[in-house]
Amino acid sequence: MREFRYYRGDAPPVFAHESEREVAVLLDEAGIPWMYEPHTFALEEDDGTIVEGFTPDFYLPDADVYLECTTAKQSLTTRKNGKIRKLRGRGEVVAVHYRRDLQRLTRLYGQT
């Protein structure tokens, strides 16, 4: 288990996908404080039950920005993009990084 110096969560992160771990390494190497999936937003509710929710992958507390990473095919991201639009409509700042963005970051900044 890699220890992340700039991780700000209470328990060690358990990443859902290897690409999320890669982003965490890049954030940590850049000295950027981050949290992993710290908040789920209720986008639609019905009688107090969450019908549609969204949990961004990362939160950068110093910048007050959420970061969502997706490695799905571009054609499969429509639903996720709709959720992100709803969240942005509530005033939250959400940056989205697609597979090509993550590959570019990895090429530029490398992996340890």
PDB file of N, CA and C in Angstrom:
ATOM      1  N   MET A   1       0.846  -1.185   0.000  1.00  0.00           N
ATOM      2  CA  MET A   1       0.000   0.000   0.000  1.00  0.00           C
ATOM      3  C   MET A   1       0.886   1.242   0.000  1.00  0.00           C
ATOM      4  N   ARG A   2       0.697   2.066  -0.950  1.00  0.00           N
ATOM      5  CA  ARG A   2       1.460   3.305  -1.048  1.00  0.00           C
ATOM      6  C   ARG A   2       0.896   4.314  -0.055  1.00  0.00           C
ATOM      7  N   GLU A   3       1.781   4.989   0.644  1.00  0.00           N
ATOM      8  CA  GLU A   3       1.340   6.046   1.548  1.00  0.00           C
ATOM      9  C   GLU A   3       1.351   7.366   0.785  1.00  0.00           C
ATOM     10  N   PHE A   4       0.238   8.040   0.804  1.00  0.00           N
ATOM     11  CA  PHE A   4       0.098   9.308   0.099  1.00  0.00           C
ATOM     12  C   PHE A   4       0.288  10.456   1.084  1.00  0.00           C
ATOM     13  N   ARG A   5       1.285  11.252   0.832  1.00  0.00           N
ATOM     14  CA  ARG A   5       1.635  12.342   1.739  1.00  0.00           C
ATOM     15  C   ARG A   5       0.575  13.444   1.767  1.00  0.00           C
ATOM     16  N   TYR A   6      -0.054  13.730   0.629  1.00  0.00           N
ATOM     17  CA  TYR A   6      -0.995  14.854   0.550  1.00  0.00           C
ATOM     18  C   TYR A   6      -2.461  14.430   0.607  1.00  0.00           C
ATOM     19  N   TYR A   7      -2.695  13.163   0.860  1.00  0.00           N
ATOM     20  CA  TYR A   7      -4.058  12.663   1.011  1.00  0.00           C
ATOM     21  C   TYR A   7      -4.634  13.201   2.318  1.00  0.00           C
ATOM     22  N   ARG A   8      -5.875  13.703   2.276  1.00  0.00           N
ATOM     23  CA  ARG A   8      -6.490  14.333   3.447  1.00  0.00           C
ATOM     24  C   ARG A   8      -7.693  13.569   3.993  1.00  0.00           C
ATOM     25  N   GLY A   9      -7.851  12.320   3.613  1.00  0.00           N
ATOM     26  CA  GLY A   9      -8.966  11.522   4.113  1.00  0.00           C
ATOM     27  C   GLY A   9      -8.640  10.855   5.444  1.00  0.00           C
ATOM     28  N   ASP A  10      -9.652  10.302   6.061  1.00  0.00           N
ATOM     29  CA  ASP A  10      -9.488   9.643   7.357  1.00  0.00           C
ATOM     30  C   ASP A  10      -8.968   8.212   7.227  1.00  0.00           C
ATOM     31  N   ALA A  11      -9.435   7.491   6.215  1.00  0.00           N
ATOM     32  CA  ALA A  11      -9.032   6.100   6.002  1.00  0.00           C
ATOM     33  C   ALA A  11      -8.272   6.016   4.679  1.00  0.00           C
ATOM     34  N   PRO A  12      -7.385   5.031   4.540  1.00  0.00           N
ATOM     35  CA  PRO A  12      -6.650   4.899   3.274  1.00  0.00           C
ATOM     36  C   PRO A  12      -7.617   4.746   2.096  1.00  0.00           C
ATOM     37  N   PRO A  13      -7.313   5.378   0.971  1.00  0.00           N
ATOM     38  CA  PRO A  13      -8.221   5.285  -0.182  1.00  0.00           C
ATOM     39  C   PRO A  13      -8.216   3.893  -0.793  1.00  0.00           C
ATOM     40  N   VAL A  14      -9.384   3.463  -1.247  1.00  0.00           N
ATOM     41  CA  VAL A  14      -9.519   2.212  -1.993  1.00  0.00           C
ATOM     42  C   VAL A  14     -10.068   2.613  -3.357  1.00  0.00           C
ATOM     43  N   PHE A  15      -9.212   2.618  -4.340  1.00  0.00           N
ATOM     44  CA  PHE A  15      -9.576   3.120  -5.661  1.00  0.00           C
ATOM     45  C   PHE A  15     -10.411   2.115  -6.437  1.00  0.00           C
ATOM     46  N   ALA A  16     -11.406   2.627  -7.146  1.00  0.00           N
ATOM     47  CA  ALA A  16     -12.286   1.789  -7.950  1.00  0.00           C
ATOM     48  C   ALA A  16     -11.625   1.379  -9.264  1.00  0.00           C
ATOM     49  N   HIS A  17     -10.633   2.145  -9.700  1.00  0.00           N
ATOM     50  CA  HIS A  17      -9.994   1.884 -10.996  1.00  0.00           C
ATOM     51  C   HIS A  17      -8.535   2.307 -10.905  1.00  0.00           C
ATOM     52  N   GLU A  18      -7.682   1.609 -11.612  1.00  0.00           N
ATOM     53  CA  GLU A  18      -6.251   1.908 -11.612  1.00  0.00           C
ATOM     54  C   GLU A  18      -5.965   3.343 -12.060  1.00  0.00           C
ATOM     55  N   SER A  19      -6.765   3.879 -12.966  1.00  0.00           N
ATOM     56  CA  SER A  19      -6.535   5.246 -13.436  1.00  0.00           C
ATOM     57  C   SER A  19      -6.702   6.249 -12.292  1.00  0.00           C
ATOM     58  N   GLU A  20      -7.575   5.956 -11.339  1.00  0.00           N
ATOM     59  CA  GLU A  20      -7.745   6.843 -10.186  1.00  0.00           C
ATOM     60  C   GLU A  20      -6.490   6.837  -9.316  1.00  0.00           C
ATOM     61  N   ARG A  21      -5.897   5.674  -9.147  1.00  0.00           N
ATOM     62  CA  ARG A  21      -4.640   5.590  -8.396  1.00  0.00           C
ATOM     63  C   ARG A  21      -3.553   6.395  -9.098  1.00  0.00           C
ATOM     64  N   GLU A  22      -3.514   6.327 -10.416  1.00  0.00           N
ATOM     65  CA  GLU A  22      -2.520   7.074 -11.185  1.00  0.00           C
ATOM     66  C   GLU A  22      -2.690   8.583 -10.973  1.00  0.00           C
ATOM     67  N   VAL A  23      -3.930   9.042 -10.962  1.00  0.00           N
ATOM     68  CA  VAL A  23      -4.189  10.467 -10.712  1.00  0.00           C
ATOM     69  C   VAL A  23      -3.772  10.830  -9.294  1.00  0.00           C
ATOM     70  N   ALA A  24      -4.066   9.971  -8.335  1.00  0.00           N
ATOM     71  CA  ALA A  24      -3.682  10.221  -6.947  1.00  0.00           C
ATOM     72  C   ALA A  24      -2.166  10.364  -6.833  1.00  0.00           C
ATOM     73  N   VAL A  25      -1.426   9.517  -7.529  1.00  0.00           N
ATOM     74  CA  VAL A  25       0.038   9.598  -7.511  1.00  0.00           C
ATOM     75  C   VAL A  25       0.494  10.931  -8.096  1.00  0.00           C
ATOM     76  N   LEU A  26      -0.111  11.330  -9.221  1.00  0.00           N
ATOM     77  CA  LEU A  26       0.261  12.605  -9.842  1.00  0.00           C
ATOM     78  C   LEU A  26      -0.036  13.785  -8.919  1.00  0.00           C
ATOM     79  N   LEU A  27      -1.205  13.774  -8.277  1.00  0.00           N
ATOM     80  CA  LEU A  27      -1.555  14.849  -7.344  1.00  0.00           C
ATOM     81  C   LEU A  27      -0.565  14.897  -6.185  1.00  0.00           C
ATOM     82  N   ASP A  28      -0.260  13.728  -5.654  1.00  0.00           N
ATOM     83  CA  ASP A  28       0.641  13.650  -4.516  1.00  0.00           C
ATOM     84  C   ASP A  28       2.048  14.115  -4.888  1.00  0.00           C
ATOM     85  N   GLU A  29       2.520  13.692  -6.043  1.00  0.00           N
ATOM     86  CA  GLU A  29       3.859  14.098  -6.478  1.00  0.00           C
ATOM     87  C   GLU A  29       3.935  15.598  -6.737  1.00  0.00           C
ATOM     88  N   ALA A  30       2.801  16.202  -7.101  1.00  0.00           N
ATOM     89  CA  ALA A  30       2.753  17.649  -7.339  1.00  0.00           C
ATOM     90  C   ALA A  30       2.554  18.430  -6.045  1.00  0.00           C
ATOM     91  N   GLY A  31       2.333  17.722  -4.928  1.00  0.00           N
ATOM     92  CA  GLY A  31       2.144  18.389  -3.647  1.00  0.00           C
ATOM     93  C   GLY A  31       0.773  19.014  -3.485  1.00  0.00           C
ATOM     94  N   ILE A  32      -0.213  18.462  -4.184  1.00  0.00           N
ATOM     95  CA  ILE A  32      -1.572  19.003  -4.140  1.00  0.00           C
ATOM     96  C   ILE A  32      -2.404  18.200  -3.132  1.00  0.00           C
ATOM     97  N   PRO A  33      -2.885  18.827  -2.061  1.00  0.00           N
ATOM     98  CA  PRO A  33      -3.752  18.112  -1.117  1.00  0.00           C
ATOM     99  C   PRO A  33      -5.029  17.625  -1.822  1.00  0.00           C
ATOM    100  N   TRP A  34      -5.450  16.388  -1.486  1.00  0.00           N
ATOM    101  CA  TRP A  34      -6.606  15.801  -2.154  1.00  0.00           C
ATOM    102  C   TRP A  34      -7.334  14.847  -1.221  1.00  0.00           C
ATOM    103  N   MET A  35      -8.585  14.619  -1.579  1.00  0.00           N
ATOM    104  CA  MET A  35      -9.423  13.629  -0.894  1.00  0.00           C
ATOM    105  C   MET A  35     -10.030  12.740  -1.974  1.00  0.00           C
ATOM    106  N   TYR A  36     -10.293  11.482  -1.620  1.00  0.00           N
ATOM    107  CA  TYR A  36     -10.870  10.544  -2.572  1.00  0.00           C
ATOM    108  C   TYR A  36     -12.338  10.289  -2.233  1.00  0.00           C
ATOM    109  N   GLU A  37     -13.213  10.585  -3.181  1.00  0.00           N
ATOM    110  CA  GLU A  37     -14.660  10.359  -3.057  1.00  0.00           C
ATOM    111  C   GLU A  37     -15.223  10.770  -1.689  1.00  0.00           C
ATOM    112  N   PRO A  38     -14.996  12.023  -1.275  1.00  0.00           N
ATOM    113  CA  PRO A  38     -15.440  12.414   0.060  1.00  0.00           C
ATOM    114  C   PRO A  38     -16.918  12.777   0.173  1.00  0.00           C
ATOM    115  N   HIS A  39     -17.596  12.955  -0.977  1.00  0.00           N
ATOM    116  CA  HIS A  39     -18.967  13.455  -0.894  1.00  0.00           C
ATOM    117  C   HIS A  39     -19.800  12.915  -2.063  1.00  0.00           C
ATOM    118  N   THR A  40     -21.014  12.476  -1.736  1.00  0.00           N
ATOM    119  CA  THR A  40     -21.977  12.092  -2.763  1.00  0.00           C
ATOM    120  C   THR A  40     -23.048  13.166  -2.809  1.00  0.00           C
ATOM    121  N   PHE A  41     -23.307  13.673  -3.995  1.00  0.00           N
ATOM    122  CA  PHE A  41     -24.317  14.704  -4.188  1.00  0.00           C
ATOM    123  C   PHE A  41     -25.622  14.047  -4.630  1.00  0.00           C
ATOM    124  N   ALA A  42     -26.713  14.403  -3.976  1.00  0.00           N
ATOM    125  CA  ALA A  42     -28.036  13.950  -4.401  1.00  0.00           C
ATOM    126  C   ALA A  42     -28.490  14.894  -5.519  1.00  0.00           C
ATOM    127  N   LEU A  43     -28.606  14.368  -6.721  1.00  0.00           N
ATOM    128  CA  LEU A  43     -29.002  15.191  -7.865  1.00  0.00           C
ATOM    129  C   LEU A  43     -30.510  15.201  -8.058  1.00  0.00           C
ATOM    130  N   GLU A  44     -31.138  14.079  -7.737  1.00  0.00           N
ATOM    131  CA  GLU A  44     -32.606  13.985  -7.799  1.00  0.00           C
ATOM    132  C   GLU A  44     -33.078  13.135  -6.633  1.00  0.00           C
ATOM    133  N   GLU A  45     -34.155  13.583  -6.002  1.00  0.00           N
ATOM    134  CA  GLU A  45     -34.734  12.844  -4.879  1.00  0.00           C
ATOM    135  C   GLU A  45     -36.227  12.663  -5.093  1.00  0.00           C
ATOM    136  N   ASP A  46     -36.755  11.597  -4.507  1.00  0.00           N
ATOM    137  CA  ASP A  46     -38.188  11.330  -4.540  1.00  0.00           C
ATOM    138  C   ASP A  46     -38.594  10.923  -3.130  1.00  0.00           C
ATOM    139  N   ASP A  47     -39.341  11.781  -2.458  1.00  0.00           N
ATOM    140  CA  ASP A  47     -39.764  11.538  -1.073  1.00  0.00           C
ATOM    141  C   ASP A  47     -38.585  11.214  -0.158  1.00  0.00           C
ATOM    142  N   GLY A  48     -37.493  11.964  -0.306  1.00  0.00           N
ATOM    143  CA  GLY A  48     -36.330  11.782   0.554  1.00  0.00           C
ATOM    144  C   GLY A  48     -35.387  10.669   0.142  1.00  0.00           C
ATOM    145  N   THR A  49     -35.742   9.945  -0.903  1.00  0.00           N
ATOM    146  CA  THR A  49     -34.887   8.867  -1.398  1.00  0.00           C
ATOM    147  C   THR A  49     -34.090   9.389  -2.587  1.00  0.00           C
ATOM    148  N   ILE A  50     -32.786   9.157  -2.556  1.00  0.00           N
ATOM    149  CA  ILE A  50     -31.953   9.586  -3.674  1.00  0.00           C
ATOM    150  C   ILE A  50     -32.229   8.706  -4.885  1.00  0.00           C
ATOM    151  N   VAL A  51     -32.685   9.337  -5.957  1.00  0.00           N
ATOM    152  CA  VAL A  51     -32.980   8.643  -7.205  1.00  0.00           C
ATOM    153  C   VAL A  51     -31.762   8.701  -8.130  1.00  0.00           C
ATOM    154  N   GLU A  52     -31.059   9.827  -8.083  1.00  0.00           N
ATOM    155  CA  GLU A  52     -29.852   9.991  -8.883  1.00  0.00           C
ATOM    156  C   GLU A  52     -28.811  10.732  -8.044  1.00  0.00           C
ATOM    157  N   GLY A  53     -27.621  10.153  -7.969  1.00  0.00           N
ATOM    158  CA  GLY A  53     -26.550  10.769  -7.213  1.00  0.00           C
ATOM    159  C   GLY A  53     -25.259  10.755  -8.008  1.00  0.00           C
ATOM    160  N   PHE A  54     -24.290  11.492  -7.498  1.00  0.00           N
ATOM    161  CA  PHE A  54     -23.000  11.554  -8.171  1.00  0.00           C
ATOM    162  C   PHE A  54     -21.905  11.752  -7.126  1.00  0.00           C
ATOM    163  N   THR A  55     -20.868  10.940  -7.209  1.00  0.00           N
ATOM    164  CA  THR A  55     -19.720  11.020  -6.312  1.00  0.00           C
ATOM    165  C   THR A  55     -18.477  11.285  -7.146  1.00  0.00           C
ATOM    166  N   PRO A  56     -18.008  12.530  -7.189  1.00  0.00           N
ATOM    167  CA  PRO A  56     -16.775  12.816  -7.930  1.00  0.00           C
ATOM    168  C   PRO A  56     -15.594  12.046  -7.331  1.00  0.00           C
ATOM    169  N   ASP A  57     -14.633  11.692  -8.168  1.00  0.00           N
ATOM    170  CA  ASP A  57     -13.496  10.884  -7.732  1.00  0.00           C
ATOM    171  C   ASP A  57     -12.625  11.595  -6.704  1.00  0.00           C
ATOM    172  N   PHE A  58     -12.320  12.847  -6.942  1.00  0.00           N
ATOM    173  CA  PHE A  58     -11.401  13.574  -6.077  1.00  0.00           C
ATOM    174  C   PHE A  58     -11.973  14.930  -5.685  1.00  0.00           C
ATOM    175  N   TYR A  59     -11.519  15.408  -4.533  1.00  0.00           N
ATOM    176  CA  TYR A  59     -11.798  16.776  -4.112  1.00  0.00           C
ATOM    177  C   TYR A  59     -10.457  17.400  -3.754  1.00  0.00           C
ATOM    178  N   LEU A  60     -10.192  18.580  -4.293  1.00  0.00           N
ATOM    179  CA  LEU A  60      -8.968  19.321  -4.007  1.00  0.00           C
ATOM    180  C   LEU A  60      -9.348  20.458  -3.069  1.00  0.00           C
ATOM    181  N   PRO A  61      -9.194  20.263  -1.758  1.00  0.00           N
ATOM    182  CA  PRO A  61      -9.713  21.234  -0.786  1.00  0.00           C
ATOM    183  C   PRO A  61      -9.106  22.631  -0.897  1.00  0.00           C
ATOM    184  N   ASP A  62      -7.839  22.736  -1.224  1.00  0.00           N
ATOM    185  CA  ASP A  62      -7.226  24.065  -1.315  1.00  0.00           C
ATOM    186  C   ASP A  62      -7.802  24.882  -2.465  1.00  0.00           C
ATOM    187  N   ALA A  63      -8.262  24.204  -3.501  1.00  0.00           N
ATOM    188  CA  ALA A  63      -8.832  24.886  -4.664  1.00  0.00           C
ATOM    189  C   ALA A  63     -10.357  24.867  -4.648  1.00  0.00           C
ATOM    190  N   ASP A  64     -10.964  24.076  -3.738  1.00  0.00           N
ATOM    191  CA  ASP A  64     -12.415  23.881  -3.671  1.00  0.00           C
ATOM    192  C   ASP A  64     -12.944  23.430  -5.027  1.00  0.00           C
ATOM    193  N   VAL A  65     -12.291  22.401  -5.574  1.00  0.00           N
ATOM    194  CA  VAL A  65     -12.626  21.863  -6.897  1.00  0.00           C
ATOM    195  C   VAL A  65     -12.761  20.346  -6.800  1.00  0.00           C
ATOM    196  N   TYR A  66     -13.781  19.820  -7.472  1.00  0.00           N
ATOM    197  CA  TYR A  66     -13.929  18.378  -7.616  1.00  0.00           C
ATOM    198  C   TYR A  66     -13.304  17.963  -8.932  1.00  0.00           C
ATOM    199  N   LEU A  67     -12.738  16.753  -8.956  1.00  0.00           N
ATOM    200  CA  LEU A  67     -12.089  16.225 -10.145  1.00  0.00           C
ATOM    201  C   LEU A  67     -12.669  14.857 -10.448  1.00  0.00           C
ATOM    202  N   GLU A  68     -13.205  14.697 -11.638  1.00  0.00           N
ATOM    203  CA  GLU A  68     -13.764  13.427 -12.078  1.00  0.00           C
ATOM    204  C   GLU A  68     -12.881  12.874 -13.182  1.00  0.00           C
ATOM    205  N   CYS A  69     -12.503  11.613 -13.061  1.00  0.00           N
ATOM    206  CA  CYS A  69     -11.674  10.955 -14.065  1.00  0.00           C
ATOM    207  C   CYS A  69     -12.501   9.853 -14.711  1.00  0.00           C
ATOM    208  N   THR A  70     -12.445   9.781 -16.010  1.00  0.00           N
ATOM    209  CA  THR A  70     -13.175   8.724 -16.691  1.00  0.00           C
ATOM    210  C   THR A  70     -12.315   8.140 -17.796  1.00  0.00           C
ATOM    211  N   THR A  71     -12.257   6.815 -17.814  1.00  0.00           N
ATOM    212  CA  THR A  71     -11.507   6.138 -18.863  1.00  0.00           C
ATOM    213  C   THR A  71     -12.453   5.398 -19.801  1.00  0.00           C
ATOM    214  N   ALA A  72     -13.754   5.601 -19.615  1.00  0.00           N
ATOM    215  CA  ALA A  72     -14.741   4.975 -20.490  1.00  0.00           C
ATOM    216  C   ALA A  72     -14.635   5.558 -21.897  1.00  0.00           C
ATOM    217  N   LYS A  73     -15.110   4.796 -22.851  1.00  0.00           N
ATOM    218  CA  LYS A  73     -15.149   5.311 -24.215  1.00  0.00           C
ATOM    219  C   LYS A  73     -15.950   6.602 -24.232  1.00  0.00           C
ATOM    220  N   GLN A  74     -15.542   7.517 -25.072  1.00  0.00           N
ATOM    221  CA  GLN A  74     -16.203   8.819 -25.158  1.00  0.00           C
ATOM    222  C   GLN A  74     -17.714   8.655 -25.356  1.00  0.00           C
ATOM    223  N   SER A  75     -18.110   7.665 -26.149  1.00  0.00           N
ATOM    224  CA  SER A  75     -19.528   7.461 -26.432  1.00  0.00           C
ATOM    225  C   SER A  75     -20.316   7.005 -25.204  1.00  0.00           C
ATOM    226  N   LEU A  76     -19.617   6.500 -24.182  1.00  0.00           N
ATOM    227  CA  LEU A  76     -20.294   5.999 -22.984  1.00  0.00           C
ATOM    228  C   LEU A  76     -20.329   7.019 -21.848  1.00  0.00           C
ATOM    229  N   THR A  77     -19.818   8.200 -22.077  1.00  0.00           N
ATOM    230  CA  THR A  77     -19.735   9.191 -21.007  1.00  0.00           C
ATOM    231  C   THR A  77     -20.921  10.145 -20.965  1.00  0.00           C
ATOM    232  N   THR A  78     -21.893   9.977 -21.845  1.00  0.00           N
ATOM    233  CA  THR A  78     -23.031  10.894 -21.919  1.00  0.00           C
ATOM    234  C   THR A  78     -23.758  11.010 -20.583  1.00  0.00           C
ATOM    235  N   ARG A  79     -24.053   9.895 -19.948  1.00  0.00           N
ATOM    236  CA  ARG A  79     -24.789   9.916 -18.675  1.00  0.00           C
ATOM    237  C   ARG A  79     -23.986  10.632 -17.587  1.00  0.00           C
ATOM    238  N   LYS A  80     -22.689  10.302 -17.513  1.00  0.00           N
ATOM    239  CA  LYS A  80     -21.836  10.949 -16.511  1.00  0.00           C
ATOM    240  C   LYS A  80     -21.753  12.450 -16.764  1.00  0.00           C
ATOM    241  N   ASN A  81     -21.632  12.843 -18.012  1.00  0.00           N
ATOM    242  CA  ASN A  81     -21.565  14.270 -18.340  1.00  0.00           C
ATOM    243  C   ASN A  81     -22.846  14.992 -17.951  1.00  0.00           C
ATOM    244  N   GLY A  82     -23.981  14.315 -18.077  1.00  0.00           N
ATOM    245  CA  GLY A  82     -25.251  14.907 -17.659  1.00  0.00           C
ATOM    246  C   GLY A  82     -25.267  15.166 -16.157  1.00  0.00           C
ATOM    247  N   LYS A  83     -24.745  14.229 -15.382  1.00  0.00           N
ATOM    248  CA  LYS A  83     -24.664  14.408 -13.932  1.00  0.00           C
ATOM    249  C   LYS A  83     -23.731  15.563 -13.587  1.00  0.00           C
ATOM    250  N   ILE A  84     -22.631  15.656 -14.303  1.00  0.00           N
ATOM    251  CA  ILE A  84     -21.671  16.734 -14.047  1.00  0.00           C
ATOM    252  C   ILE A  84     -22.309  18.089 -14.360  1.00  0.00           C
ATOM    253  N   ARG A  85     -23.081  18.159 -15.437  1.00  0.00           N
ATOM    254  CA  ARG A  85     -23.785  19.418 -15.769  1.00  0.00           C
ATOM    255  C   ARG A  85     -24.735  19.814 -14.642  1.00  0.00           C
ATOM    256  N   LYS A  86     -25.462  18.847 -14.097  1.00  0.00           N
ATOM    257  CA  LYS A  86     -26.378  19.134 -12.984  1.00  0.00           C
ATOM    258  C   LYS A  86     -25.612  19.648 -11.766  1.00  0.00           C
ATOM    259  N   LEU A  87     -24.487  19.024 -11.484  1.00  0.00           N
ATOM    260  CA  LEU A  87     -23.692  19.444 -10.335  1.00  0.00           C
ATOM    261  C   LEU A  87     -23.121  20.844 -10.555  1.00  0.00           C
ATOM    262  N   ARG A  88     -22.663  21.118 -11.750  1.00  0.00           N
ATOM    263  CA  ARG A  88     -22.157  22.460 -12.066  1.00  0.00           C
ATOM    264  C   ARG A  88     -23.281  23.489 -11.970  1.00  0.00           C
ATOM    265  N   GLY A  89     -24.499  23.091 -12.322  1.00  0.00           N
ATOM    266  CA  GLY A  89     -25.651  23.980 -12.227  1.00  0.00           C
ATOM    267  C   GLY A  89     -25.948  24.397 -10.790  1.00  0.00           C
ATOM    268  N   ARG A  90     -25.446  23.639  -9.849  1.00  0.00           N
ATOM    269  CA  ARG A  90     -25.614  23.969  -8.424  1.00  0.00           C
ATOM    270  C   ARG A  90     -24.454  24.818  -7.900  1.00  0.00           C
ATOM    271  N   GLY A  91     -23.549  25.192  -8.797  1.00  0.00           N
ATOM    272  CA  GLY A  91     -22.440  26.050  -8.402  1.00  0.00           C
ATOM    273  C   GLY A  91     -21.165  25.329  -8.018  1.00  0.00           C
ATOM    274  N   GLU A  92     -21.150  24.000  -8.116  1.00  0.00           N
ATOM    275  CA  GLU A  92     -19.930  23.251  -7.801  1.00  0.00           C
ATOM    276  C   GLU A  92     -18.983  23.312  -8.996  1.00  0.00           C
ATOM    277  N   VAL A  93     -17.697  23.374  -8.719  1.00  0.00           N
ATOM    278  CA  VAL A  93     -16.691  23.375  -9.768  1.00  0.00           C
ATOM    279  C   VAL A  93     -16.200  21.948  -9.932  1.00  0.00           C
ATOM    280  N   VAL A  94     -16.418  21.390 -11.131  1.00  0.00           N
ATOM    281  CA  VAL A  94     -16.027  20.015 -11.417  1.00  0.00           C
ATOM    282  C   VAL A  94     -15.191  20.017 -12.684  1.00  0.00           C
ATOM    283  N   ALA A  95     -13.962  19.530 -12.570  1.00  0.00           N
ATOM    284  CA  ALA A  95     -13.101  19.361 -13.740  1.00  0.00           C
ATOM    285  C   ALA A  95     -13.174  17.898 -14.151  1.00  0.00           C
ATOM    286  N   VAL A  96     -13.267  17.643 -15.436  1.00  0.00           N
ATOM    287  CA  VAL A  96     -13.353  16.280 -15.946  1.00  0.00           C
ATOM    288  C   VAL A  96     -12.095  15.973 -16.740  1.00  0.00           C
ATOM    289  N   HIS A  97     -11.510  14.830 -16.434  1.00  0.00           N
ATOM    290  CA  HIS A  97     -10.342  14.365 -17.183  1.00  0.00           C
ATOM    291  C   HIS A  97     -10.704  13.033 -17.823  1.00  0.00           C
ATOM    292  N   TYR A  98     -10.594  12.990 -19.137  1.00  0.00           N
ATOM    293  CA  TYR A  98     -10.886  11.782 -19.889  1.00  0.00           C
ATOM    294  C   TYR A  98      -9.603  10.978 -20.077  1.00  0.00           C
ATOM    295  N   ARG A  99      -9.734   9.788 -20.641  1.00  0.00           N
ATOM    296  CA  ARG A  99      -8.595   8.895 -20.856  1.00  0.00           C
ATOM    297  C   ARG A  99      -7.433   9.642 -21.509  1.00  0.00           C
ATOM    298  N   ARG A 100      -7.703  10.409 -22.560  1.00  0.00           N
ATOM    299  CA  ARG A 100      -6.625  11.112 -23.276  1.00  0.00           C
ATOM    300  C   ARG A 100      -5.940  12.134 -22.381  1.00  0.00           C
ATOM    301  N   ASP A 101      -6.705  12.787 -21.497  1.00  0.00           N
ATOM    302  CA  ASP A 101      -6.123  13.753 -20.569  1.00  0.00           C
ATOM    303  C   ASP A 101      -5.202  13.054 -19.568  1.00  0.00           C
ATOM    304  N   LEU A 102      -5.657  11.908 -19.059  1.00  0.00           N
ATOM    305  CA  LEU A 102      -4.855  11.161 -18.094  1.00  0.00           C
ATOM    306  C   LEU A 102      -3.581  10.637 -18.744  1.00  0.00           C
ATOM    307  N   GLN A 103      -3.686  10.183 -19.982  1.00  0.00           N
ATOM    308  CA  GLN A 103      -2.498   9.709 -20.698  1.00  0.00           C
ATOM    309  C   GLN A 103      -1.506  10.854 -20.907  1.00  0.00           C
ATOM    310  N   ARG A 104      -2.019  12.012 -21.245  1.00  0.00           N
ATOM    311  CA  ARG A 104      -1.161  13.183 -21.450  1.00  0.00           C
ATOM    312  C   ARG A 104      -0.463  13.578 -20.135  1.00  0.00           C
ATOM    313  N   LEU A 105      -1.205  13.606 -19.055  1.00  0.00           N
ATOM    314  CA  LEU A 105      -0.607  13.941 -17.763  1.00  0.00           C
ATOM    315  C   LEU A 105       0.468  12.933 -17.365  1.00  0.00           C
ATOM    316  N   THR A 106       0.195  11.671 -17.594  1.00  0.00           N
ATOM    317  CA  THR A 106       1.158  10.634 -17.253  1.00  0.00           C
ATOM    318  C   THR A 106       2.429  10.778 -18.092  1.00  0.00           C
ATOM    319  N   ARG A 107       2.266  11.077 -19.383  1.00  0.00           N
ATOM    320  CA  ARG A 107       3.443  11.288 -20.233  1.00  0.00           C
ATOM    321  C   ARG A 107       4.245  12.504 -19.770  1.00  0.00           C
ATOM    322  N   LEU A 108       3.550  13.571 -19.407  1.00  0.00           N
ATOM    323  CA  LEU A 108       4.236  14.792 -18.997  1.00  0.00           C
ATOM    324  C   LEU A 108       4.934  14.667 -17.647  1.00  0.00           C
ATOM    325  N   TYR A 109       4.264  14.040 -16.690  1.00  0.00           N
ATOM    326  CA  TYR A 109       4.761  14.045 -15.318  1.00  0.00           C
ATOM    327  C   TYR A 109       5.239  12.693 -14.816  1.00  0.00           C
ATOM    328  N   GLY A 110       5.008  11.647 -15.618  1.00  0.00           N
ATOM    329  CA  GLY A 110       5.532  10.337 -15.280  1.00  0.00           C
ATOM    330  C   GLY A 110       4.848   9.663 -14.112  1.00  0.00           C
ATOM    331  N   GLN A 111       5.284   8.478 -13.804  1.00  0.00           N
ATOM    332  CA  GLN A 111       4.766   7.667 -12.716  1.00  0.00           C
ATOM    333  C   GLN A 111       5.946   7.162 -11.903  1.00  0.00           C
ATOM    334  N   THR A 112       5.700   6.987 -10.619  1.00  0.00           N
ATOM    335  CA  THR A 112       6.736   6.381  -9.783  1.00  0.00           C
ATOM    336  C   THR A 112       6.324   4.975  -9.432  1.00  0.00           C
TER     337      THR A 112
END
